[in-house]
Amino acid sequence: MPERLHDVNGTGSLLAADDVPPVCVFNADGGSAFLIVADHAGNALPQAVGDLGLGAVDRGRHIAWDIGIAGVCRTLSDLLDATLVQQNYSRLVIDCNRPPGTPQSIPEASDGSAVPGNAGLDAAARQGREAQIFAPYHARIAAELDRRQAQRRRAVLIAMHSFTPVFGGLRRPWEVGVLYHRDARLARPLLALLRQEGGLTVGDNAPYDVGDATDWTIPVHGERRGILHVGIEIRQDLIAGAADQTAWGARIAAVLPRALAACAGEGGAGPAGP
C-alpha cells in the first residue's frame, strides 16, 4: 500500500518546485499549420508519489509511456517547422488521453502489472493529478489552437503515439497505424500514402481506434473544433533508438504535407464521415 494516498509533498501540492513541468513546448513560433501533440511522451513521476510501488522495469515499460515517441516528435517538429506540445509525466500517474474519472485515467493495473500507488486514492488525490498534470497540458493545447483561430491561421492536429509489439500475448503485425473517429478527412490520404511505401503494414484504426469513452485529445481538440486531425501510432521496437526515431520522424514528415495537400479546401470545414 502506498504511503501517500493524498499525493502531497508537504506544501499541499502534488508537484514540488523541483519536479519537471507537466508540459513542454518546442518550436513555439513554428510556422507550420501542423500542431504536434504527444500525450505520453515522458515517464516522469512526481516526488510526492514516489515510485508508485513499481520497480524500474515496470516504470520503463510501455505501460508507463509511449517509448520512443518523444524523439520522433522532435524530428517532426524540426523538419516541419511545427510546434510540439509534449506531456512529461507517466501515463500511470494520470493518462492524458483518457477521460478523467474513468478507470483508465488512473489505472490500478496495466498489462498484468499492479500499480500499488494508484490503489485506494481518495477524491482529493485524483483531483490533484487532474488539476496539476492533465489540465495544464490540455490547456496549453487549447491555448495554441485558440491563438491560431484568433489569427485566422490554419491548425492541423497531429496526435503522436507508439505501441508495444506484443499485447495480451498477441504479436501485432502493423508497423504504423492511422487513427481517427468521426472525421477521416486527413486519415484517408495519409493511409493511402503510407500504404504506397514498400514493406509497411499500415493499420486502419489499428492497433487502436478512437472513441469518446476511451480518448480525449482527438475528440476534444480535433473533432469539437472541426479542424483537420489524425492520430499516428508507431510500433515501439522500430523507434527504440535515436537513429530510428530520426528516420521515422523524417518518414512521417515527408508524407504529412502531401496528405494535407489532398485535403485542400477542407481545413475549415466541420467533421466529415469516413
Foldseek 3Di string as FASTA:
>chain_A
DFPQLLCDDVPSANADPPFDAFKDKDLLVQPAQEEEEEQFAAADHHVSLPPLPDDPVVSPDVQFGFAQFVLLVVLLCVLRSHMYMYGHHTCCLARLWAPQPDCSGNDQADQHRGRNSSPPRDPNNSVNSCVRRNVVSVVVLVVSVVVCVVVVHFHEYEYEGEDEQDGPNDGDDFQKEKEDDFACLLVVQLVVVVVVDPPGDYHDCPPHYDDPRGGDCCVPVPQVQQFHYIYMYGYNVQRNDSVSSNVSSVVCSVRNVVSVVSSPPRGRPHGHGD
